Amino acid sequence: MAWYWIVLICVAGVAVLYLLLCYLIARRVLKAATTPVAHTLQEARTLQGEKEKMDFSEYDNVWRKESFILKGVQGKISGEVVYNKPTTPAKVAVVCHGHTWNRLNSLKYAKVFYDKGYSLVLYDHAYFGLSQGTHTTLGDKEKFDLSTVLDFVRQKFGKDAVVCLHGESMGAATVLLELSVRNDVSFVVADCGFSDTMKYYRELSPQLTHLPAFPIVDMANAMSKRRYGYDFSKVKPIDAVRQSNVPICFIHGGEDKFISPHHSQWMYNASKNPLSELHIVDDAGHACSYNVDNSGYCDIVSKFIDKVEANLSLSKASQNTTK
């Protein structure tokens, strides 16, 4: 056999082996993204207590809670309402947890809103906590479940209620994508979200696999579309931000290696509302801004709430004057 045929066969063999390796890695990547190991409520309570020193006494003994179950895209959505003192209009914060977590991970953020007079809605995304589901789509289908939750909020608290959203990581992507579904949200706080799913996966994949993103991410996306109808290339929170005029407070850890802070920077640049803000928290890794600077985080959110509420009052006064 001529030498060039031997070289060609060897090259082809290496290419086939490399593609097979990429395929196997793509399957693992997709599994980690869509069917990760999810913490139970008890595991979340234990981990939050040990690692973040969370005090659950107020949640357990003071807050007045009411459980609810709604019909979501993949089955039942389980959550609870925490009632605050009545206000006119009612004020409600819906807090969305991140990947692998559940509603108990939302408590640290929820308290900021509770202390500002907001009732709370905490729930488990599909696949997590007590909610049903065979997989997660990092905001793609979750935005429709969130819309169902918001319908429930409007029924319970009224069409004139001030309703805001807070989300961490996957939760941030979900609350931002929600802006493409409906326009009755007063404001949003988005903590360490990604702007574009495909761009995010292309950035993250080499860190996790030590191989080029192509064709691993493309293979994972092809599998995802076939199995779950979840197309990475079509899930872009930044597009929802561009379409919306809702004020958004973007918060991101400056040392986030999992979702780079430039994603929040891009989305802040795309936001049309002049009240929108961007805060990069020095020395904070992924979803750690609250833990690194607890008082600073609460101050950012509290002042943003005050600013938006003041603007809402001015808007209503202007509408009344016009009438």
Protein backbone atom coordinates (compact mmCIF):
# COMPACT_ATOMS: atom_id res chain seq x y z
CA MET A 1 0.00 0.00 0.00
CA ALA A 2 1.30 3.45 -0.92
CA TRP A 3 2.47 5.62 1.95
CA TYR A 4 -0.08 8.35 1.27
CA TRP A 5 -2.93 5.87 1.67
CA ILE A 6 -1.56 4.89 5.05
CA VAL A 7 -1.37 8.57 6.07
CA LEU A 8 -4.90 9.19 4.80
CA ILE A 9 -6.30 6.19 6.70
CA CYS A 10 -4.50 7.29 9.89
CA VAL A 11 -5.83 10.85 9.56
CA ALA A 12 -9.34 9.58 8.91
CA GLY A 13 -9.11 7.25 11.90
CA VAL A 14 -7.95 10.06 14.18
CA ALA A 15 -10.77 12.29 12.89
CA VAL A 16 -13.37 9.59 13.57
CA LEU A 17 -12.00 8.99 17.06
CA TYR A 18 -12.00 12.73 17.77
CA LEU A 19 -15.60 13.10 16.61
CA LEU A 20 -16.60 10.13 18.75
CA LEU A 21 -14.87 11.75 21.72
CA CYS A 22 -16.69 15.02 21.01
CA TYR A 23 -19.99 13.16 20.82
CA LEU A 24 -19.45 11.47 24.18
CA ILE A 25 -18.44 14.77 25.77
CA ALA A 26 -21.45 16.52 24.20
CA ARG A 27 -23.73 13.96 25.84
CA ARG A 28 -22.15 14.69 29.23
CA VAL A 29 -22.40 18.43 28.67
CA LEU A 30 -26.08 18.17 27.79
CA LYS A 31 -26.75 15.94 30.80
CA ALA A 32 -25.06 18.42 33.13
CA ALA A 33 -27.11 21.27 31.66
CA THR A 34 -30.55 19.70 31.35
CA THR A 35 -30.65 16.88 33.93
CA PRO A 36 -28.21 17.88 36.68
CA VAL A 37 -28.13 16.54 40.20
CA ALA A 38 -30.72 18.73 41.94
CA HIS A 39 -30.67 19.57 45.64
CA THR A 40 -33.70 18.58 47.69
CA LEU A 41 -35.31 21.19 49.95
CA GLN A 42 -33.60 19.65 52.97
CA GLU A 43 -30.22 19.56 51.23
CA ALA A 44 -30.63 23.21 50.26
CA ARG A 45 -31.50 24.12 53.83
CA THR A 46 -28.45 22.29 55.17
CA LEU A 47 -26.03 23.69 52.58
CA GLN A 48 -27.34 27.25 52.94
CA GLY A 49 -27.07 27.00 56.70
CA GLU A 50 -23.56 25.56 56.73
CA LYS A 51 -21.90 27.44 53.86
CA GLU A 52 -23.78 30.73 53.87
CA LYS A 53 -24.79 30.87 57.55
CA MET A 54 -28.39 31.46 56.61
CA ASP A 55 -30.84 31.89 59.47
CA PHE A 56 -34.17 30.24 58.70
CA SER A 57 -35.89 31.29 61.94
CA GLU A 58 -37.81 34.20 60.37
CA TYR A 59 -38.92 32.03 57.46
CA ASP A 60 -39.92 29.19 59.78
CA ASN A 61 -41.55 31.12 62.61
CA VAL A 62 -42.49 34.64 61.53
CA TRP A 63 -43.42 34.78 57.85
CA ARG A 64 -47.05 33.91 57.08
CA LYS A 65 -46.91 31.39 54.25
CA GLU A 66 -49.42 29.70 51.97
CA SER A 67 -48.48 26.87 49.63
CA PHE A 68 -49.73 26.64 46.05
CA ILE A 69 -49.56 24.23 43.12
CA LEU A 70 -49.98 25.38 39.53
CA LYS A 71 -50.02 23.54 36.21
CA GLY A 72 -46.75 24.14 34.39
CA VAL A 73 -45.25 23.06 31.08
CA GLN A 74 -43.92 19.79 32.53
CA GLY A 75 -46.48 19.17 35.26
CA LYS A 76 -47.12 20.71 38.65
CA ILE A 77 -45.23 23.79 39.81
CA SER A 78 -44.89 23.93 43.59
CA GLY A 79 -44.38 27.13 45.52
CA GLU A 80 -45.55 29.37 48.31
CA VAL A 81 -46.75 32.90 48.95
CA VAL A 82 -45.31 34.83 51.89
CA TYR A 83 -47.74 37.55 52.92
CA ASN A 84 -46.48 40.92 54.08
CA LYS A 85 -48.49 43.78 55.56
CA PRO A 86 -51.13 44.98 53.07
CA THR A 87 -50.24 48.00 50.93
CA THR A 88 -52.15 50.01 48.32
CA PRO A 89 -51.35 49.03 45.68
CA ALA A 90 -50.12 45.60 46.68
CA LYS A 91 -46.39 44.95 46.21
CA VAL A 92 -45.14 41.49 45.25
CA ALA A 93 -41.68 40.10 44.49
CA VAL A 94 -41.33 36.82 42.59
CA VAL A 95 -37.90 35.32 43.23
CA CYS A 96 -36.44 32.67 40.88
CA HIS A 97 -33.66 30.32 41.94
CA GLY A 98 -30.64 29.13 40.00
CA HIS A 99 -29.51 25.85 38.41
CA THR A 100 -29.50 22.78 40.72
CA TRP A 101 -31.19 24.75 43.55
CA ASN A 102 -34.79 25.32 44.65
CA ARG A 103 -36.95 27.94 46.36
CA LEU A 104 -34.94 27.87 49.61
CA ASN A 105 -31.96 29.31 47.75
CA SER A 106 -34.14 32.34 47.02
CA LEU A 107 -34.68 33.25 50.68
CA LYS A 108 -31.59 35.41 51.08
CA TYR A 109 -32.69 37.59 48.19
CA ALA A 110 -36.36 37.48 49.18
CA LYS A 111 -35.69 39.04 52.57
CA VAL A 112 -34.45 42.25 50.92
CA PHE A 113 -37.84 42.65 49.25
CA TYR A 114 -39.79 41.57 52.34
CA ASP A 115 -38.05 44.26 54.38
CA LYS A 116 -39.16 46.80 51.74
CA GLY A 117 -42.81 45.83 52.25
CA TYR A 118 -43.19 43.28 49.44
CA SER A 119 -45.10 40.04 49.73
CA LEU A 120 -43.13 37.17 48.23
CA VAL A 121 -43.73 34.38 45.77
CA LEU A 122 -41.15 31.59 45.91
CA TYR A 123 -41.39 28.49 43.76
CA ASP A 124 -39.39 25.58 42.38
CA HIS A 125 -38.62 25.59 38.66
CA ALA A 126 -39.63 22.47 36.73
CA TYR A 127 -37.39 19.48 37.58
CA PHE A 128 -36.22 21.10 40.85
CA GLY A 129 -37.47 20.99 44.42
CA LEU A 130 -41.05 19.76 44.70
CA SER A 131 -42.01 20.67 41.13
CA GLN A 132 -42.38 18.05 38.42
CA GLY A 133 -40.36 17.75 35.23
CA THR A 134 -37.90 15.49 33.46
CA HIS A 135 -35.38 18.21 32.56
CA THR A 136 -34.56 21.90 32.71
CA THR A 137 -34.01 24.32 29.81
CA LEU A 138 -32.27 27.19 31.66
CA GLY A 139 -35.09 29.64 31.07
CA ASP A 140 -36.46 28.59 27.67
CA LYS A 141 -39.56 26.74 28.90
CA GLU A 142 -39.26 28.13 32.42
CA LYS A 143 -40.39 31.55 31.21
CA PHE A 144 -43.81 30.07 30.42
CA ASP A 145 -44.05 28.59 33.92
CA LEU A 146 -43.11 32.00 35.31
CA SER A 147 -45.91 33.54 33.25
CA THR A 148 -48.34 31.07 34.85
CA VAL A 149 -47.03 32.10 38.27
CA LEU A 150 -47.55 35.76 37.35
CA ASP A 151 -51.14 35.04 36.29
CA PHE A 152 -51.64 33.52 39.75
CA VAL A 153 -50.07 36.61 41.36
CA ARG A 154 -52.39 38.94 39.47
CA GLN A 155 -55.42 36.90 40.51
CA LYS A 156 -54.38 36.97 44.15
CA PHE A 157 -53.03 40.54 44.49
CA GLY A 158 -54.88 42.41 41.74
CA LYS A 159 -54.14 43.84 38.32
CA ASP A 160 -52.79 47.08 39.81
CA ALA A 161 -50.19 45.36 42.02
CA VAL A 162 -46.56 46.38 41.69
CA VAL A 163 -44.90 43.11 40.65
CA CYS A 164 -41.14 42.73 40.40
CA LEU A 165 -38.86 39.81 39.55
CA HIS A 166 -35.52 38.70 40.95
CA GLY A 167 -33.46 35.89 39.46
CA GLU A 168 -30.07 34.33 40.09
CA SER A 169 -28.10 32.74 37.21
CA MET A 170 -30.62 30.48 35.42
CA GLY A 171 -33.27 32.39 37.35
CA ALA A 172 -31.88 35.64 35.95
CA ALA A 173 -32.15 34.29 32.42
CA THR A 174 -35.72 33.22 33.17
CA VAL A 175 -36.89 36.59 34.51
CA LEU A 176 -35.26 38.43 31.60
CA LEU A 177 -36.77 36.07 29.02
CA GLU A 178 -40.12 36.74 30.70
CA LEU A 179 -39.95 40.28 29.36
CA SER A 180 -40.55 38.81 25.90
CA VAL A 181 -43.71 37.06 27.15
CA ARG A 182 -45.53 39.87 28.99
CA ASN A 183 -45.25 43.57 29.80
CA ASP A 184 -46.90 43.83 33.23
CA VAL A 185 -43.68 43.58 35.26
CA SER A 186 -42.68 46.75 37.13
CA PHE A 187 -38.95 46.05 37.42
CA VAL A 188 -36.35 43.28 37.44
CA VAL A 189 -33.20 42.44 39.40
CA ALA A 190 -30.99 40.06 37.37
CA ASP A 191 -28.04 38.53 39.22
CA CYS A 192 -25.26 36.90 37.14
CA GLY A 193 -27.37 35.97 34.14
CA PHE A 194 -26.19 35.08 30.63
CA SER A 195 -27.14 37.11 27.58
CA ASP A 196 -27.14 34.45 24.86
CA THR A 197 -27.28 30.70 25.50
CA MET A 198 -25.16 29.64 22.53
CA LYS A 199 -22.50 32.27 23.24
CA TYR A 200 -22.48 31.25 26.89
CA TYR A 201 -22.05 27.55 26.12
CA ARG A 202 -19.30 28.31 23.59
CA GLU A 203 -17.44 30.25 26.29
CA LEU A 204 -17.96 27.67 29.02
CA SER A 205 -17.36 24.45 27.09
CA PRO A 206 -13.57 24.87 26.58
CA GLN A 207 -13.18 25.57 30.31
CA LEU A 208 -14.96 22.34 31.22
CA THR A 209 -13.68 20.05 28.44
CA HIS A 210 -10.28 21.59 27.52
CA LEU A 211 -11.29 21.15 23.88
CA PRO A 212 -12.61 23.61 21.28
CA ALA A 213 -16.31 24.44 21.59
CA PHE A 214 -16.95 23.26 18.02
CA PRO A 215 -18.32 20.69 17.41
CA ILE A 216 -19.12 19.74 21.04
CA VAL A 217 -21.66 22.51 21.68
CA ASP A 218 -23.24 21.99 18.26
CA MET A 219 -23.62 18.27 18.91
CA ALA A 220 -25.12 18.97 22.35
CA ASN A 221 -27.55 21.44 20.79
CA ALA A 222 -28.62 18.93 18.11
CA MET A 223 -29.32 16.36 20.85
CA SER A 224 -31.15 18.96 22.92
CA LYS A 225 -33.42 19.99 20.04
CA ARG A 226 -34.24 16.35 19.30
CA ARG A 227 -34.90 15.28 22.90
CA TYR A 228 -36.35 18.39 24.51
CA GLY A 229 -37.19 20.90 21.78
CA TYR A 230 -34.65 23.20 23.45
CA ASP A 231 -32.59 25.08 20.87
CA PHE A 232 -29.63 26.95 22.40
CA SER A 233 -29.39 29.31 19.44
CA LYS A 234 -32.90 30.67 19.97
CA VAL A 235 -32.68 31.44 23.69
CA LYS A 236 -31.30 34.96 24.03
CA PRO A 237 -32.23 36.99 27.13
CA ILE A 238 -30.51 40.01 25.56
CA ASP A 239 -33.16 40.07 22.82
CA ALA A 240 -35.90 40.25 25.47
CA VAL A 241 -34.02 43.10 27.16
CA ARG A 242 -33.82 44.99 23.85
CA GLN A 243 -37.56 44.62 23.30
CA SER A 244 -38.55 45.77 26.78
CA ASN A 245 -38.68 49.13 28.51
CA VAL A 246 -38.73 47.64 32.02
CA PRO A 247 -36.04 48.99 34.40
CA ILE A 248 -33.47 46.31 35.20
CA CYS A 249 -30.82 46.19 37.91
CA PHE A 250 -27.98 43.96 36.69
CA ILE A 251 -25.65 42.56 39.37
CA HIS A 252 -22.65 40.38 38.56
CA GLY A 253 -19.58 39.08 40.37
CA GLY A 254 -16.38 40.59 38.99
CA GLU A 255 -14.58 37.23 39.39
CA ASP A 256 -17.35 35.10 37.91
CA LYS A 257 -15.63 32.40 35.82
CA PHE A 258 -18.83 30.45 35.14
CA ILE A 259 -20.83 33.24 33.48
CA SER A 260 -18.57 36.14 32.57
CA PRO A 261 -19.66 39.59 33.81
CA HIS A 262 -19.53 40.86 30.24
CA HIS A 263 -22.91 39.17 29.72
CA SER A 264 -24.51 41.59 32.19
CA GLN A 265 -22.54 44.44 30.64
CA TRP A 266 -23.91 43.58 27.19
CA MET A 267 -27.47 43.40 28.49
CA TYR A 268 -27.15 46.65 30.42
CA ASN A 269 -25.95 48.33 27.22
CA ALA A 270 -29.00 46.91 25.43
CA SER A 271 -31.52 48.11 28.03
CA LYS A 272 -33.62 51.06 26.90
CA ASN A 273 -34.86 52.20 30.31
CA PRO A 274 -32.81 55.08 31.81
CA LEU A 275 -33.43 53.71 35.32
CA SER A 276 -31.52 50.49 34.57
CA GLU A 277 -28.29 49.93 36.50
CA LEU A 278 -25.20 47.72 36.35
CA HIS A 279 -23.22 46.71 39.44
CA ILE A 280 -20.07 44.59 39.25
CA VAL A 281 -19.18 43.23 42.70
CA ASP A 282 -15.42 42.98 43.15
CA ASP A 283 -13.97 39.62 44.23
CA ALA A 284 -17.31 37.82 43.85
CA GLY A 285 -17.51 34.54 41.93
CA HIS A 286 -20.59 33.06 40.33
CA ALA A 287 -23.77 33.74 42.33
CA CYS A 288 -21.64 34.95 45.23
CA SER A 289 -22.21 38.71 45.13
CA TYR A 290 -24.67 38.57 48.03
CA ASN A 291 -22.31 36.49 50.15
CA VAL A 292 -19.21 38.57 49.40
CA ASP A 293 -20.88 41.90 50.20
CA ASN A 294 -24.15 41.26 51.97
CA SER A 295 -24.84 44.81 53.12
CA GLY A 296 -23.67 46.28 49.83
CA TYR A 297 -25.93 43.95 47.85
CA CYS A 298 -28.95 44.79 49.98
CA ASP A 299 -28.17 48.49 49.63
CA ILE A 300 -28.01 48.22 45.83
CA VAL A 301 -31.37 46.47 45.64
CA SER A 302 -33.01 48.68 48.26
CA LYS A 303 -31.98 51.91 46.53
CA PHE A 304 -33.04 50.55 43.15
CA ILE A 305 -36.47 49.70 44.57
CA ASP A 306 -36.79 53.21 46.02
CA LYS A 307 -35.83 54.77 42.70
CA VAL A 308 -38.27 52.70 40.67
CA GLU A 309 -41.10 53.17 43.16
CA ALA A 310 -40.56 56.93 43.09
CA ASN A 311 -40.72 56.84 39.29
CA LEU A 312 -43.91 54.76 39.41
CA SER A 313 -45.49 57.35 41.72
CA LEU A 314 -44.50 60.15 39.36
CA SER A 315 -45.93 58.25 36.41
CA LYS A 316 -49.26 57.69 38.18
CA ALA A 317 -49.41 61.34 39.26
CA SER A 318 -48.79 62.39 35.67
CA GLN A 319 -51.54 60.06 34.42
CA ASN A 320 -54.01 61.46 37.00
CA THR A 321 -53.16 65.02 35.99
CA THR A 322 -53.73 64.19 32.32
CA LYS A 323 -57.13 62.75 33.12
